Amino acid sequence: MDARQFQAATGVSRETLDRLQAYADLLTKWQRAINLVGPKTLPDLWRRHFLDSAQLYPLLPAGTATLADLGSGSGFPGMVLAIMGVPEVHLVESDARKGTFLREVARVTGAKVSVHTTRIEQAEGFPADVVTARALAPLDALFGYAARFWGPGTTGLFLKGGAVEAELTAAAESWTFECERFESRSDAAGAVLRVRGLRAGGRDRRG
Protein backbone atom coordinates (compact mmCIF):
# COMPACT_ATOMS: atom_id res chain seq x y z
CA MET A 1 0.00 0.00 0.00
CA ASP A 2 1.25 3.46 -0.89
CA ALA A 3 -0.02 6.92 0.09
CA ARG A 4 -2.54 7.08 -2.76
CA GLN A 5 -3.96 3.67 -1.91
CA PHE A 6 -4.20 4.75 1.72
CA GLN A 7 -6.16 7.83 0.64
CA ALA A 8 -8.51 5.69 -1.43
CA ALA A 9 -9.05 3.32 1.50
CA THR A 10 -9.72 6.05 4.07
CA GLY A 11 -11.13 8.98 2.12
CA VAL A 12 -8.83 11.53 3.76
CA SER A 13 -8.47 14.93 2.10
CA ARG A 14 -5.42 15.91 0.07
CA GLU A 15 -4.37 18.29 2.85
CA THR A 16 -4.57 15.52 5.45
CA LEU A 17 -2.67 13.15 3.18
CA ASP A 18 0.09 15.74 2.74
CA ARG A 19 0.42 16.08 6.52
CA LEU A 20 0.53 12.30 6.93
CA GLN A 21 3.17 12.11 4.18
CA ALA A 22 5.28 14.64 6.10
CA TYR A 23 4.89 12.39 9.15
CA ALA A 24 5.96 9.34 7.13
CA ASP A 25 8.99 11.20 5.76
CA LEU A 26 10.10 12.21 9.25
CA LEU A 27 9.65 8.68 10.55
CA THR A 28 11.77 7.25 7.74
CA LYS A 29 14.49 9.82 8.43
CA TRP A 30 14.51 9.38 12.21
CA GLN A 31 14.35 5.58 11.94
CA ARG A 32 18.05 5.62 11.03
CA ALA A 33 18.90 6.83 14.53
CA ILE A 34 15.96 5.59 16.64
CA ASN A 35 14.11 2.29 16.35
CA LEU A 36 10.65 3.80 15.90
CA VAL A 37 9.01 0.87 14.08
CA GLY A 38 10.07 -2.64 13.18
CA PRO A 39 12.53 -2.30 10.28
CA LYS A 40 10.74 -5.02 8.30
CA THR A 41 7.52 -2.97 8.38
CA LEU A 42 9.00 0.12 6.70
CA PRO A 43 8.31 -1.04 3.11
CA ASP A 44 4.63 -1.42 4.08
CA LEU A 45 4.43 1.67 6.28
CA TRP A 46 1.09 2.92 4.93
CA ARG A 47 -0.76 -0.31 5.66
CA ARG A 48 1.03 -1.59 8.75
CA HIS A 49 1.04 1.70 10.63
CA PHE A 50 -1.03 4.44 8.99
CA LEU A 51 -4.05 2.38 7.92
CA ASP A 52 -3.81 0.39 11.15
CA SER A 53 -4.24 3.67 13.04
CA ALA A 54 -6.68 5.42 10.70
CA GLN A 55 -9.18 2.57 10.89
CA LEU A 56 -10.03 3.77 14.40
CA TYR A 57 -11.30 7.14 13.19
CA PRO A 58 -14.75 5.95 12.01
CA LEU A 59 -15.20 4.16 15.34
CA LEU A 60 -14.77 7.32 17.43
CA PRO A 61 -17.95 8.45 19.24
CA ALA A 62 -19.60 11.51 17.75
CA GLY A 63 -18.24 14.68 19.31
CA THR A 64 -14.97 13.15 20.49
CA ALA A 65 -12.86 16.05 21.80
CA THR A 66 -10.16 14.51 24.00
CA LEU A 67 -8.16 11.36 23.37
CA ALA A 68 -5.45 9.72 25.47
CA ASP A 69 -3.08 7.46 23.54
CA LEU A 70 -1.15 5.18 25.88
CA GLY A 71 2.33 3.93 25.05
CA SER A 72 2.37 6.06 21.91
CA GLY A 73 5.82 4.99 20.73
CA SER A 74 6.25 6.55 17.29
CA GLY A 75 2.74 8.00 17.42
CA PHE A 76 0.45 5.20 16.29
CA PRO A 77 -2.47 5.51 16.52
CA GLY A 78 -2.72 8.82 18.42
CA MET A 79 -0.73 11.08 16.10
CA VAL A 80 -2.59 9.82 13.03
CA LEU A 81 -5.95 10.46 14.71
CA ALA A 82 -4.83 13.98 15.66
CA ILE A 83 -3.85 14.74 12.07
CA MET A 84 -7.18 13.33 10.90
CA GLY A 85 -9.03 15.77 13.13
CA VAL A 86 -9.37 14.78 16.80
CA PRO A 87 -9.17 18.21 18.53
CA GLU A 88 -7.08 17.34 21.60
CA VAL A 89 -4.81 14.30 21.72
CA HIS A 90 -2.52 13.38 24.61
CA LEU A 91 0.38 11.08 23.71
CA VAL A 92 1.81 9.24 26.72
CA GLU A 93 5.27 7.82 25.98
CA SER A 94 8.03 7.14 28.50
CA ASP A 95 10.95 7.11 26.02
CA ALA A 96 12.37 10.66 25.90
CA ARG A 97 13.86 10.20 22.41
CA LYS A 98 10.51 9.12 21.01
CA GLY A 99 8.94 12.04 22.82
CA THR A 100 11.32 14.37 20.98
CA PHE A 101 10.35 12.74 17.69
CA LEU A 102 6.63 13.15 18.46
CA ARG A 103 7.08 16.84 19.22
CA GLU A 104 8.91 17.31 15.92
CA VAL A 105 6.09 15.57 14.03
CA ALA A 106 3.59 17.84 15.78
CA ARG A 107 5.63 20.91 14.84
CA VAL A 108 5.93 19.96 11.19
CA THR A 109 2.35 18.73 10.69
CA GLY A 110 0.53 21.13 13.01
CA ALA A 111 -1.06 18.24 14.87
CA LYS A 112 -2.83 19.31 18.06
CA VAL A 113 -1.13 16.99 20.51
CA SER A 114 0.38 17.16 23.97
CA VAL A 115 3.32 14.82 24.51
CA HIS A 116 3.77 13.43 28.03
CA THR A 117 7.18 11.77 28.44
CA THR A 118 6.39 9.76 31.53
CA ARG A 119 5.44 6.25 32.53
CA ILE A 120 1.72 5.68 32.27
CA GLU A 121 1.55 4.82 35.95
CA GLN A 122 2.99 8.23 36.79
CA ALA A 123 0.99 10.26 34.28
CA GLU A 124 -1.60 12.69 35.57
CA GLY A 125 -4.90 11.01 34.79
CA PHE A 126 -8.02 12.70 33.52
CA PRO A 127 -11.33 11.47 32.06
CA ALA A 128 -10.79 11.37 28.29
CA ASP A 129 -13.54 10.85 25.74
CA VAL A 130 -11.47 8.09 24.14
CA VAL A 131 -8.50 5.99 25.25
CA THR A 132 -6.40 4.22 22.60
CA ALA A 133 -3.48 1.81 22.68
CA ARG A 134 -1.64 -0.37 20.20
CA ALA A 135 0.62 -3.31 21.05
CA LEU A 136 1.08 -2.02 24.59
CA ALA A 137 0.09 -4.83 26.96
CA PRO A 138 -2.38 -7.71 27.40
CA LEU A 139 -5.91 -6.46 28.04
CA ASP A 140 -5.89 -7.23 31.75
CA ALA A 141 -2.89 -4.92 32.29
CA LEU A 142 -4.02 -2.48 29.60
CA PHE A 143 -7.31 -1.89 31.39
CA GLY A 144 -5.36 -1.01 34.52
CA TYR A 145 -3.47 1.67 32.59
CA ALA A 146 -6.62 2.92 30.88
CA ALA A 147 -8.51 3.27 34.17
CA ARG A 148 -6.46 6.40 34.96
CA PHE A 149 -8.10 8.12 31.98
CA TRP A 150 -11.55 6.58 32.25
CA GLY A 151 -14.73 8.49 33.01
CA PRO A 152 -18.42 7.51 32.89
CA GLY A 153 -18.66 8.17 29.15
CA THR A 154 -15.21 7.02 28.04
CA THR A 155 -14.75 4.67 25.10
CA GLY A 156 -11.64 2.52 24.61
CA LEU A 157 -10.34 1.64 21.14
CA PHE A 158 -7.65 -1.01 21.31
CA LEU A 159 -5.77 -2.65 18.45
CA LYS A 160 -5.09 -6.29 19.25
CA GLY A 161 -3.50 -9.30 17.56
CA GLY A 162 -4.31 -12.96 17.23
CA ALA A 163 -4.44 -13.65 20.98
CA VAL A 164 -7.46 -11.38 21.50
CA GLU A 165 -9.86 -14.14 22.60
CA ALA A 166 -7.54 -15.38 25.33
CA GLU A 167 -6.92 -11.78 26.45
CA LEU A 168 -10.66 -11.06 26.67
CA THR A 169 -11.20 -14.18 28.76
CA ALA A 170 -8.37 -13.28 31.12
CA ALA A 171 -9.48 -9.65 31.44
CA ALA A 172 -13.02 -10.69 32.35
CA GLU A 173 -11.64 -12.25 35.53
CA SER A 174 -10.71 -8.83 36.89
CA TRP A 175 -12.77 -6.30 34.92
CA THR A 176 -16.35 -5.67 33.93
CA PHE A 177 -16.77 -4.14 30.48
CA GLU A 178 -18.85 -4.08 27.32
CA CYS A 179 -16.92 -4.94 24.17
CA GLU A 180 -17.54 -4.79 20.44
CA ARG A 181 -15.09 -6.50 18.12
CA PHE A 182 -14.26 -5.36 14.59
CA GLU A 183 -12.07 -7.09 12.03
CA SER A 184 -8.81 -5.26 11.42
CA ARG A 185 -8.46 -3.63 8.01
CA SER A 186 -4.68 -3.86 8.15
CA ASP A 187 -4.03 -7.29 9.68
CA ALA A 188 -6.01 -10.41 8.78
CA ALA A 189 -5.26 -11.88 12.20
CA GLY A 190 -5.96 -8.69 14.14
CA ALA A 191 -8.99 -7.02 15.67
CA VAL A 192 -10.14 -3.67 16.96
CA LEU A 193 -11.93 -3.66 20.30
CA ARG A 194 -14.36 -0.91 21.24
CA VAL A 195 -14.79 -1.00 25.01
CA ARG A 196 -17.28 0.83 27.20
CA GLY A 197 -18.38 0.63 30.82
CA LEU A 198 -14.99 -0.40 32.15
CA ARG A 199 -14.77 -0.93 35.89
CA ALA A 200 -12.75 -3.10 38.24
CA GLY A 201 -14.27 -6.44 39.21
CA GLY A 202 -14.91 -9.40 36.93
CA ARG A 203 -18.33 -10.10 35.45
CA ASP A 204 -18.73 -13.14 37.64
CA ARG A 205 -18.37 -10.91 40.73
CA ARG A 206 -21.25 -8.56 39.98
CA GLY A 207 -24.20 -8.69 42.27
C-alpha atoms as a PDB file:
ATOM      1  CA  MET A   1       0.000   0.000   0.000  1.00  0.00           C
ATOM      2  CA  ASP A   2       1.252   3.464  -0.891  1.00  0.00           C
ATOM      3  CA  ALA A   3      -0.016   6.916   0.086  1.00  0.00           C
ATOM      4  CA  ARG A   4      -2.540   7.085  -2.763  1.00  0.00           C
ATOM      5  CA  GLN A   5      -3.959   3.667  -1.909  1.00  0.00           C
ATOM      6  CA  PHE A   6      -4.197   4.753   1.716  1.00  0.00           C
ATOM      7  CA  GLN A   7      -6.161   7.828   0.642  1.00  0.00           C
ATOM      8  CA  ALA A   8      -8.509   5.686  -1.433  1.00  0.00           C
ATOM      9  CA  ALA A   9      -9.052   3.322   1.504  1.00  0.00           C
ATOM     10  CA  THR A  10      -9.719   6.045   4.073  1.00  0.00           C
ATOM     11  CA  GLY A  11     -11.125   8.980   2.121  1.00  0.00           C
ATOM     12  CA  VAL A  12      -8.832  11.529   3.756  1.00  0.00           C
ATOM     13  CA  SER A  13      -8.468  14.929   2.101  1.00  0.00           C
ATOM     14  CA  ARG A  14      -5.416  15.913   0.073  1.00  0.00           C
ATOM     15  CA  GLU A  15      -4.368  18.294   2.853  1.00  0.00           C
ATOM     16  CA  THR A  16      -4.572  15.516   5.452  1.00  0.00           C
ATOM     17  CA  LEU A  17      -2.667  13.147   3.184  1.00  0.00           C
ATOM     18  CA  ASP A  18       0.089  15.742   2.742  1.00  0.00           C
ATOM     19  CA  ARG A  19       0.422  16.080   6.517  1.00  0.00           C
ATOM     20  CA  LEU A  20       0.534  12.298   6.926  1.00  0.00           C
ATOM     21  CA  GLN A  21       3.168  12.114   4.179  1.00  0.00           C
ATOM     22  CA  ALA A  22       5.279  14.638   6.098  1.00  0.00           C
ATOM     23  CA  TYR A  23       4.893  12.388   9.148  1.00  0.00           C
ATOM     24  CA  ALA A  24       5.964   9.338   7.131  1.00  0.00           C
ATOM     25  CA  ASP A  25       8.990  11.198   5.759  1.00  0.00           C
ATOM     26  CA  LEU A  26      10.099  12.211   9.255  1.00  0.00           C
ATOM     27  CA  LEU A  27       9.651   8.677  10.548  1.00  0.00           C
ATOM     28  CA  THR A  28      11.766   7.250   7.744  1.00  0.00           C
ATOM     29  CA  LYS A  29      14.486   9.817   8.429  1.00  0.00           C
ATOM     30  CA  TRP A  30      14.507   9.378  12.214  1.00  0.00           C
ATOM     31  CA  GLN A  31      14.348   5.578  11.935  1.00  0.00           C
ATOM     32  CA  ARG A  32      18.045   5.622  11.032  1.00  0.00           C
ATOM     33  CA  ALA A  33      18.895   6.830  14.530  1.00  0.00           C
ATOM     34  CA  ILE A  34      15.958   5.594  16.643  1.00  0.00           C
ATOM     35  CA  ASN A  35      14.111   2.292  16.347  1.00  0.00           C
ATOM     36  CA  LEU A  36      10.650   3.803  15.900  1.00  0.00           C
ATOM     37  CA  VAL A  37       9.011   0.867  14.084  1.00  0.00           C
ATOM     38  CA  GLY A  38      10.067  -2.635  13.179  1.00  0.00           C
ATOM     39  CA  PRO A  39      12.532  -2.303  10.285  1.00  0.00           C
ATOM     40  CA  LYS A  40      10.738  -5.016   8.298  1.00  0.00           C
ATOM     41  CA  THR A  41       7.517  -2.969   8.377  1.00  0.00           C
ATOM     42  CA  LEU A  42       9.003   0.122   6.697  1.00  0.00           C
ATOM     43  CA  PRO A  43       8.311  -1.043   3.113  1.00  0.00           C
ATOM     44  CA  ASP A  44       4.631  -1.424   4.075  1.00  0.00           C
ATOM     45  CA  LEU A  45       4.432   1.670   6.280  1.00  0.00           C
ATOM     46  CA  TRP A  46       1.087   2.921   4.933  1.00  0.00           C
ATOM     47  CA  ARG A  47      -0.759  -0.306   5.658  1.00  0.00           C
ATOM     48  CA  ARG A  48       1.030  -1.594   8.751  1.00  0.00           C
ATOM     49  CA  HIS A  49       1.045   1.705  10.626  1.00  0.00           C
ATOM     50  CA  PHE A  50      -1.025   4.440   8.986  1.00  0.00           C
ATOM     51  CA  LEU A  51      -4.049   2.376   7.916  1.00  0.00           C
ATOM     52  CA  ASP A  52      -3.813   0.392  11.148  1.00  0.00           C
ATOM     53  CA  SER A  53      -4.235   3.668  13.036  1.00  0.00           C
ATOM     54  CA  ALA A  54      -6.676   5.421  10.697  1.00  0.00           C
ATOM     55  CA  GLN A  55      -9.177   2.570  10.886  1.00  0.00           C
ATOM     56  CA  LEU A  56     -10.033   3.769  14.399  1.00  0.00           C
ATOM     57  CA  TYR A  57     -11.302   7.136  13.189  1.00  0.00           C
ATOM     58  CA  PRO A  58     -14.754   5.953  12.010  1.00  0.00           C
ATOM     59  CA  LEU A  59     -15.197   4.161  15.344  1.00  0.00           C
ATOM     60  CA  LEU A  60     -14.771   7.321  17.433  1.00  0.00           C
ATOM     61  CA  PRO A  61     -17.946   8.449  19.239  1.00  0.00           C
ATOM     62  CA  ALA A  62     -19.602  11.508  17.747  1.00  0.00           C
ATOM     63  CA  GLY A  63     -18.244  14.682  19.306  1.00  0.00           C
ATOM     64  CA  THR A  64     -14.967  13.155  20.495  1.00  0.00           C
ATOM     65  CA  ALA A  65     -12.861  16.054  21.795  1.00  0.00           C
ATOM     66  CA  THR A  66     -10.160  14.508  23.996  1.00  0.00           C
ATOM     67  CA  LEU A  67      -8.158  11.363  23.367  1.00  0.00           C
ATOM     68  CA  ALA A  68      -5.446   9.725  25.472  1.00  0.00           C
ATOM     69  CA  ASP A  69      -3.076   7.460  23.535  1.00  0.00           C
ATOM     70  CA  LEU A  70      -1.154   5.176  25.876  1.00  0.00           C
ATOM     71  CA  GLY A  71       2.331   3.933  25.054  1.00  0.00           C
ATOM     72  CA  SER A  72       2.370   6.056  21.910  1.00  0.00           C
ATOM     73  CA  GLY A  73       5.820   4.993  20.727  1.00  0.00           C
ATOM     74  CA  SER A  74       6.253   6.550  17.288  1.00  0.00           C
ATOM     75  CA  GLY A  75       2.736   8.001  17.418  1.00  0.00           C
ATOM     76  CA  PHE A  76       0.447   5.204  16.286  1.00  0.00           C
ATOM     77  CA  PRO A  77      -2.473   5.512  16.525  1.00  0.00           C
ATOM     78  CA  GLY A  78      -2.718   8.824  18.422  1.00  0.00           C
ATOM     79  CA  MET A  79      -0.730  11.082  16.096  1.00  0.00           C
ATOM     80  CA  VAL A  80      -2.592   9.821  13.031  1.00  0.00           C
ATOM     81  CA  LEU A  81      -5.947  10.461  14.706  1.00  0.00           C
ATOM     82  CA  ALA A  82      -4.832  13.979  15.662  1.00  0.00           C
ATOM     83  CA  ILE A  83      -3.851  14.738  12.072  1.00  0.00           C
ATOM     84  CA  MET A  84      -7.180  13.332  10.902  1.00  0.00           C
ATOM     85  CA  GLY A  85      -9.030  15.765  13.133  1.00  0.00           C
ATOM     86  CA  VAL A  86      -9.369  14.784  16.800  1.00  0.00           C
ATOM     87  CA  PRO A  87      -9.173  18.208  18.528  1.00  0.00           C
ATOM     88  CA  GLU A  88      -7.077  17.340  21.602  1.00  0.00           C
ATOM     89  CA  VAL A  89      -4.805  14.301  21.720  1.00  0.00           C
ATOM     90  CA  HIS A  90      -2.522  13.378  24.608  1.00  0.00           C
ATOM     91  CA  LEU A  91       0.376  11.080  23.714  1.00  0.00           C
ATOM     92  CA  VAL A  92       1.812   9.242  26.721  1.00  0.00           C
ATOM     93  CA  GLU A  93       5.272   7.821  25.980  1.00  0.00           C
ATOM     94  CA  SER A  94       8.030   7.142  28.496  1.00  0.00           C
ATOM     95  CA  ASP A  95      10.950   7.113  26.020  1.00  0.00           C
ATOM     96  CA  ALA A  96      12.372  10.658  25.898  1.00  0.00           C
ATOM     97  CA  ARG A  97      13.857  10.203  22.410  1.00  0.00           C
ATOM     98  CA  LYS A  98      10.510   9.117  21.014  1.00  0.00           C
ATOM     99  CA  GLY A  99       8.940  12.043  22.825  1.00  0.00           C
ATOM    100  CA  THR A 100      11.323  14.369  20.982  1.00  0.00           C
ATOM    101  CA  PHE A 101      10.346  12.738  17.691  1.00  0.00           C
ATOM    102  CA  LEU A 102       6.634  13.145  18.461  1.00  0.00           C
ATOM    103  CA  ARG A 103       7.082  16.837  19.222  1.00  0.00           C
ATOM    104  CA  GLU A 104       8.907  17.310  15.917  1.00  0.00           C
ATOM    105  CA  VAL A 105       6.091  15.575  14.034  1.00  0.00           C
ATOM    106  CA  ALA A 106       3.588  17.835  15.777  1.00  0.00           C
ATOM    107  CA  ARG A 107       5.630  20.911  14.843  1.00  0.00           C
ATOM    108  CA  VAL A 108       5.927  19.958  11.187  1.00  0.00           C
ATOM    109  CA  THR A 109       2.351  18.726  10.689  1.00  0.00           C
ATOM    110  CA  GLY A 110       0.529  21.132  13.006  1.00  0.00           C
ATOM    111  CA  ALA A 111      -1.061  18.237  14.873  1.00  0.00           C
ATOM    112  CA  LYS A 112      -2.830  19.313  18.060  1.00  0.00           C
ATOM    113  CA  VAL A 113      -1.127  16.990  20.514  1.00  0.00           C
ATOM    114  CA  SER A 114       0.377  17.163  23.974  1.00  0.00           C
ATOM    115  CA  VAL A 115       3.322  14.822  24.514  1.00  0.00           C
ATOM    116  CA  HIS A 116       3.765  13.426  28.026  1.00  0.00           C
ATOM    117  CA  THR A 117       7.177  11.768  28.441  1.00  0.00           C
ATOM    118  CA  THR A 118       6.389   9.757  31.530  1.00  0.00           C
ATOM    119  CA  ARG A 119       5.439   6.251  32.526  1.00  0.00           C
ATOM    120  CA  ILE A 120       1.718   5.680  32.268  1.00  0.00           C
ATOM    121  CA  GLU A 121       1.548   4.817  35.953  1.00  0.00           C
ATOM    122  CA  GLN A 122       2.988   8.234  36.789  1.00  0.00           C
ATOM    123  CA  ALA A 123       0.990  10.265  34.281  1.00  0.00           C
ATOM    124  CA  GLU A 124      -1.602  12.685  35.570  1.00  0.00           C
ATOM    125  CA  GLY A 125      -4.897  11.010  34.789  1.00  0.00           C
ATOM    126  CA  PHE A 126      -8.020  12.699  33.516  1.00  0.00           C
ATOM    127  CA  PRO A 127     -11.331  11.473  32.060  1.00  0.00           C
ATOM    128  CA  ALA A 128     -10.793  11.372  28.290  1.00  0.00           C
ATOM    129  CA  ASP A 129     -13.543  10.851  25.737  1.00  0.00           C
ATOM    130  CA  VAL A 130     -11.475   8.088  24.140  1.00  0.00           C
ATOM    131  CA  VAL A 131      -8.498   5.992  25.248  1.00  0.00           C
ATOM    132  CA  THR A 132      -6.399   4.219  22.603  1.00  0.00           C
ATOM    133  CA  ALA A 133      -3.485   1.812  22.677  1.00  0.00           C
ATOM    134  CA  ARG A 134      -1.639  -0.374  20.202  1.00  0.00           C
ATOM    135  CA  ALA A 135       0.625  -3.311  21.049  1.00  0.00           C
ATOM    136  CA  LEU A 136       1.075  -2.020  24.587  1.00  0.00           C
ATOM    137  CA  ALA A 137       0.091  -4.826  26.961  1.00  0.00           C
ATOM    138  CA  PRO A 138      -2.378  -7.705  27.399  1.00  0.00           C
ATOM    139  CA  LEU A 139      -5.914  -6.455  28.039  1.00  0.00           C
ATOM    140  CA  ASP A 140      -5.886  -7.230  31.754  1.00  0.00           C
ATOM    141  CA  ALA A 141      -2.889  -4.922  32.289  1.00  0.00           C
ATOM    142  CA  LEU A 142      -4.023  -2.480  29.600  1.00  0.00           C
ATOM    143  CA  PHE A 143      -7.312  -1.887  31.390  1.00  0.00           C
ATOM    144  CA  GLY A 144      -5.356  -1.011  34.517  1.00  0.00           C
ATOM    145  CA  TYR A 145      -3.467   1.665  32.593  1.00  0.00           C
ATOM    146  CA  ALA A 146      -6.618   2.921  30.878  1.00  0.00           C
ATOM    147  CA  ALA A 147      -8.508   3.268  34.166  1.00  0.00           C
ATOM    148  CA  ARG A 148      -6.458   6.400  34.961  1.00  0.00           C
ATOM    149  CA  PHE A 149      -8.100   8.120  31.983  1.00  0.00           C
ATOM    150  CA  TRP A 150     -11.554   6.579  32.248  1.00  0.00           C
ATOM    151  CA  GLY A 151     -14.732   8.489  33.007  1.00  0.00           C
ATOM    152  CA  PRO A 152     -18.420   7.508  32.893  1.00  0.00           C
ATOM    153  CA  GLY A 153     -18.659   8.166  29.149  1.00  0.00           C
ATOM    154  CA  THR A 154     -15.208   7.021  28.039  1.00  0.00           C
ATOM    155  CA  THR A 155     -14.746   4.667  25.097  1.00  0.00           C
ATOM    156  CA  GLY A 156     -11.637   2.522  24.611  1.00  0.00           C
ATOM    157  CA  LEU A 157     -10.344   1.640  21.140  1.00  0.00           C
ATOM    158  CA  PHE A 158      -7.653  -1.006  21.313  1.00  0.00           C
ATOM    159  CA  LEU A 159      -5.765  -2.654  18.450  1.00  0.00           C
ATOM    160  CA  LYS A 160      -5.088  -6.294  19.253  1.00  0.00           C
ATOM    161  CA  GLY A 161      -3.496  -9.305  17.564  1.00  0.00           C
ATOM    162  CA  GLY A 162      -4.313 -12.961  17.228  1.00  0.00           C
ATOM    163  CA  ALA A 163      -4.444 -13.648  20.981  1.00  0.00           C
ATOM    164  CA  VAL A 164      -7.459 -11.385  21.501  1.00  0.00           C
ATOM    165  CA  GLU A 165      -9.864 -14.136  22.598  1.00  0.00           C
ATOM    166  CA  ALA A 166      -7.543 -15.376  25.335  1.00  0.00           C
ATOM    167  CA  GLU A 167      -6.925 -11.782  26.448  1.00  0.00           C
ATOM    168  CA  LEU A 168     -10.657 -11.058  26.671  1.00  0.00           C
ATOM    169  CA  THR A 169     -11.204 -14.177  28.758  1.00  0.00           C
ATOM    170  CA  ALA A 170      -8.372 -13.275  31.123  1.00  0.00           C
ATOM    171  CA  ALA A 171      -9.483  -9.650  31.437  1.00  0.00           C
ATOM    172  CA  ALA A 172     -13.023 -10.685  32.349  1.00  0.00           C
ATOM    173  CA  GLU A 173     -11.642 -12.255  35.530  1.00  0.00           C
ATOM    174  CA  SER A 174     -10.706  -8.826  36.888  1.00  0.00           C
ATOM    175  CA  TRP A 175     -12.769  -6.301  34.925  1.00  0.00           C
ATOM    176  CA  THR A 176     -16.353  -5.671  33.928  1.00  0.00           C
ATOM    177  CA  PHE A 177     -16.768  -4.144  30.477  1.00  0.00           C
ATOM    178  CA  GLU A 178     -18.847  -4.084  27.317  1.00  0.00           C
ATOM    179  CA  CYS A 179     -16.915  -4.937  24.174  1.00  0.00           C
ATOM    180  CA  GLU A 180     -17.543  -4.794  20.441  1.00  0.00           C
ATOM    181  CA  ARG A 181     -15.088  -6.498  18.121  1.00  0.00           C
ATOM    182  CA  PHE A 182     -14.258  -5.358  14.586  1.00  0.00           C
ATOM    183  CA  GLU A 183     -12.070  -7.087  12.033  1.00  0.00           C
ATOM    184  CA  SER A 184      -8.811  -5.263  11.418  1.00  0.00           C
ATOM    185  CA  ARG A 185      -8.463  -3.628   8.009  1.00  0.00           C
ATOM    186  CA  SER A 186      -4.678  -3.856   8.154  1.00  0.00           C
ATOM    187  CA  ASP A 187      -4.028  -7.289   9.679  1.00  0.00           C
ATOM    188  CA  ALA A 188      -6.012 -10.410   8.779  1.00  0.00           C
ATOM    189  CA  ALA A 189      -5.258 -11.881  12.204  1.00  0.00           C
ATOM    190  CA  GLY A 190      -5.958  -8.691  14.142  1.00  0.00           C
ATOM    191  CA  ALA A 191      -8.986  -7.023  15.672  1.00  0.00           C
ATOM    192  CA  VAL A 192     -10.142  -3.671  16.959  1.00  0.00           C
ATOM    193  CA  LEU A 193     -11.934  -3.663  20.297  1.00  0.00           C
ATOM    194  CA  ARG A 194     -14.364  -0.906  21.242  1.00  0.00           C
ATOM    195  CA  VAL A 195     -14.789  -1.003  25.007  1.00  0.00           C
ATOM    196  CA  ARG A 196     -17.284   0.826  27.198  1.00  0.00           C
ATOM    197  CA  GLY A 197     -18.380   0.634  30.818  1.00  0.00           C
ATOM    198  CA  LEU A 198     -14.993  -0.398  32.154  1.00  0.00           C
ATOM    199  CA  ARG A 199     -14.773  -0.929  35.889  1.00  0.00           C
ATOM    200  CA  ALA A 200     -12.754  -3.103  38.237  1.00  0.00           C
ATOM    201  CA  GLY A 201     -14.272  -6.443  39.209  1.00  0.00           C
ATOM    202  CA  GLY A 202     -14.907  -9.401  36.926  1.00  0.00           C
ATOM    203  CA  ARG A 203     -18.327 -10.097  35.448  1.00  0.00           C
ATOM    204  CA  ASP A 204     -18.727 -13.139  37.641  1.00  0.00           C
ATOM    205  CA  ARG A 205     -18.366 -10.915  40.727  1.00  0.00           C
ATOM    206  CA  ARG A 206     -21.254  -8.564  39.985  1.00  0.00           C
ATOM    207  CA  GLY A 207     -24.203  -8.694  42.269  1.00  0.00           C
END
